[in-house]
Amino acid sequence: MGLLWFLVFGLIVGLLARAVTPGTQNLGWVMTMLLGVAGSFIGALFASFVSPHPWSEFNTVGLVGSVLGAVVLLLLGGLASRRGTFA
């Protein structure tokens, strides 16, 4: 059951990151979920440095860090695709 909640959280984070990031992203539901999961790992790691809460505990700092991590990944992916690296 924990894995299911983690995937749902990743989908929500991915949707929030896509809503905040300017431009259009051609990502399906699965890629949006994977973006959110990867962003959660990156954001939770950095959020654990500024927050006294453990990285695995749900808190506001972790949510914001997860969305910011997903936005960074989305922007990096957009830059790489414009340069033709991942085309």
C-alpha atoms as a PDB file:
ATOM      1  CA  MET A   1       0.000   0.000   0.000  1.00  0.00           C
ATOM      2  CA  GLY A   2       2.935   2.339   0.649  1.00  0.00           C
ATOM      3  CA  LEU A   3       4.161   2.024  -2.936  1.00  0.00           C
ATOM      4  CA  LEU A   4       0.724   2.965  -4.263  1.00  0.00           C
ATOM      5  CA  TRP A   5       0.625   6.117  -2.131  1.00  0.00           C
ATOM      6  CA  PHE A   6       4.153   6.998  -3.230  1.00  0.00           C
ATOM      7  CA  LEU A   7       3.140   6.718  -6.899  1.00  0.00           C
ATOM      8  CA  VAL A   8       0.011   8.805  -6.324  1.00  0.00           C
ATOM      9  CA  PHE A   9       2.119  11.421  -4.535  1.00  0.00           C
ATOM     10  CA  GLY A  10       4.559  11.362  -7.466  1.00  0.00           C
ATOM     11  CA  LEU A  11       1.695  11.953  -9.894  1.00  0.00           C
ATOM     12  CA  ILE A  12       0.446  14.922  -7.856  1.00  0.00           C
ATOM     13  CA  VAL A  13       3.951  16.388  -7.621  1.00  0.00           C
ATOM     14  CA  GLY A  14       4.476  15.875 -11.359  1.00  0.00           C
ATOM     15  CA  LEU A  15       1.180  17.587 -12.180  1.00  0.00           C
ATOM     16  CA  LEU A  16       2.038  20.517  -9.911  1.00  0.00           C
ATOM     17  CA  ALA A  17       5.484  20.836 -11.495  1.00  0.00           C
ATOM     18  CA  ARG A  18       3.986  20.813 -14.995  1.00  0.00           C
ATOM     19  CA  ALA A  19       1.447  23.468 -13.957  1.00  0.00           C
ATOM     20  CA  VAL A  20       4.141  25.753 -12.529  1.00  0.00           C
ATOM     21  CA  THR A  21       6.657  25.319 -15.370  1.00  0.00           C
ATOM     22  CA  PRO A  22       6.097  27.668 -18.335  1.00  0.00           C
ATOM     23  CA  GLY A  23       5.657  26.230 -21.803  1.00  0.00           C
ATOM     24  CA  THR A  24       4.155  22.982 -22.965  1.00  0.00           C
ATOM     25  CA  GLN A  25       5.415  19.570 -21.964  1.00  0.00           C
ATOM     26  CA  ASN A  26       4.531  16.536 -24.034  1.00  0.00           C
ATOM     27  CA  LEU A  27       4.404  14.038 -21.194  1.00  0.00           C
ATOM     28  CA  GLY A  28       1.873  11.315 -20.594  1.00  0.00           C
ATOM     29  CA  TRP A  29       0.494  10.241 -17.233  1.00  0.00           C
ATOM     30  CA  VAL A  30       3.241   7.688 -16.608  1.00  0.00           C
ATOM     31  CA  MET A  31       6.070  10.091 -17.450  1.00  0.00           C
ATOM     32  CA  THR A  32       4.436  12.768 -15.289  1.00  0.00           C
ATOM     33  CA  MET A  33       4.319  10.293 -12.415  1.00  0.00           C
ATOM     34  CA  LEU A  34       7.967   9.300 -12.933  1.00  0.00           C
ATOM     35  CA  LEU A  35       8.907  12.989 -13.071  1.00  0.00           C
ATOM     36  CA  GLY A  36       7.172  13.513  -9.737  1.00  0.00           C
ATOM     37  CA  VAL A  37       8.832  10.490  -8.159  1.00  0.00           C
ATOM     38  CA  ALA A  38      12.302  11.577  -9.317  1.00  0.00           C
ATOM     39  CA  GLY A  39      11.585  15.157  -8.230  1.00  0.00           C
ATOM     40  CA  SER A  40      10.487  13.867  -4.841  1.00  0.00           C
ATOM     41  CA  PHE A  41      13.784  12.090  -4.326  1.00  0.00           C
ATOM     42  CA  ILE A  42      15.815  15.130  -5.326  1.00  0.00           C
ATOM     43  CA  GLY A  43      13.629  17.627  -3.476  1.00  0.00           C
ATOM     44  CA  ALA A  44      13.381  15.548  -0.318  1.00  0.00           C
ATOM     45  CA  LEU A  45      17.137  15.181  -0.220  1.00  0.00           C
ATOM     46  CA  PHE A  46      17.697  18.937  -0.382  1.00  0.00           C
ATOM     47  CA  ALA A  47      14.751  19.698   1.905  1.00  0.00           C
ATOM     48  CA  SER A  48      16.219  17.423   4.567  1.00  0.00           C
ATOM     49  CA  PHE A  49      19.199  19.785   4.790  1.00  0.00           C
ATOM     50  CA  VAL A  50      17.036  22.796   5.707  1.00  0.00           C
ATOM     51  CA  SER A  51      14.377  21.038   7.772  1.00  0.00           C
ATOM     52  CA  PRO A  52      14.730  19.116  11.032  1.00  0.00           C
ATOM     53  CA  HIS A  53      12.199  16.521   9.787  1.00  0.00           C
ATOM     54  CA  PRO A  54      13.441  13.229   8.307  1.00  0.00           C
ATOM     55  CA  TRP A  55      13.242  12.980   4.524  1.00  0.00           C
ATOM     56  CA  SER A  56      10.696  10.141   4.631  1.00  0.00           C
ATOM     57  CA  GLU A  57       8.189  12.068   6.762  1.00  0.00           C
ATOM     58  CA  PHE A  58       5.432  14.041   5.019  1.00  0.00           C
ATOM     59  CA  ASN A  59       5.694  17.785   5.699  1.00  0.00           C
ATOM     60  CA  THR A  60       5.295  21.085   3.872  1.00  0.00           C
ATOM     61  CA  VAL A  61       9.006  21.571   3.287  1.00  0.00           C
ATOM     62  CA  GLY A  62       9.217  18.143   1.677  1.00  0.00           C
ATOM     63  CA  LEU A  63       6.247  18.861  -0.587  1.00  0.00           C
ATOM     64  CA  VAL A  64       7.681  22.184  -1.736  1.00  0.00           C
ATOM     65  CA  GLY A  65      11.104  20.603  -2.203  1.00  0.00           C
ATOM     66  CA  SER A  66       9.579  17.766  -4.212  1.00  0.00           C
ATOM     67  CA  VAL A  67       7.793  20.155  -6.550  1.00  0.00           C
ATOM     68  CA  LEU A  68      10.929  22.281  -6.949  1.00  0.00           C
ATOM     69  CA  GLY A  69      12.985  19.168  -7.678  1.00  0.00           C
ATOM     70  CA  ALA A  70      10.501  18.104 -10.354  1.00  0.00           C
ATOM     71  CA  VAL A  71      10.500  21.612 -11.864  1.00  0.00           C
ATOM     72  CA  VAL A  72      14.290  21.546 -12.084  1.00  0.00           C
ATOM     73  CA  LEU A  73      14.171  18.156 -13.820  1.00  0.00           C
ATOM     74  CA  LEU A  74      11.496  19.415 -16.194  1.00  0.00           C
ATOM     75  CA  LEU A  75      13.527  22.506 -17.078  1.00  0.00           C
ATOM     76  CA  LEU A  76      16.701  20.465 -17.575  1.00  0.00           C
ATOM     77  CA  GLY A  77      14.808  18.037 -19.798  1.00  0.00           C
ATOM     78  CA  GLY A  78      13.436  20.939 -21.843  1.00  0.00           C
ATOM     79  CA  LEU A  79      16.895  22.425 -22.290  1.00  0.00           C
ATOM     80  CA  ALA A  80      18.361  19.083 -23.328  1.00  0.00           C
ATOM     81  CA  SER A  81      15.608  18.400 -25.845  1.00  0.00           C
ATOM     82  CA  ARG A  82      16.000  21.838 -27.438  1.00  0.00           C
ATOM     83  CA  ARG A  83      19.671  21.157 -27.981  1.00  0.00           C
ATOM     84  CA  GLY A  84      18.868  17.864 -29.631  1.00  0.00           C
ATOM     85  CA  THR A  85      20.566  15.677 -27.049  1.00  0.00           C
ATOM     86  CA  PHE A  86      17.496  13.599 -26.221  1.00  0.00           C
ATOM     87  CA  ALA A  87      15.581  14.041 -29.483  1.00  0.00           C
END
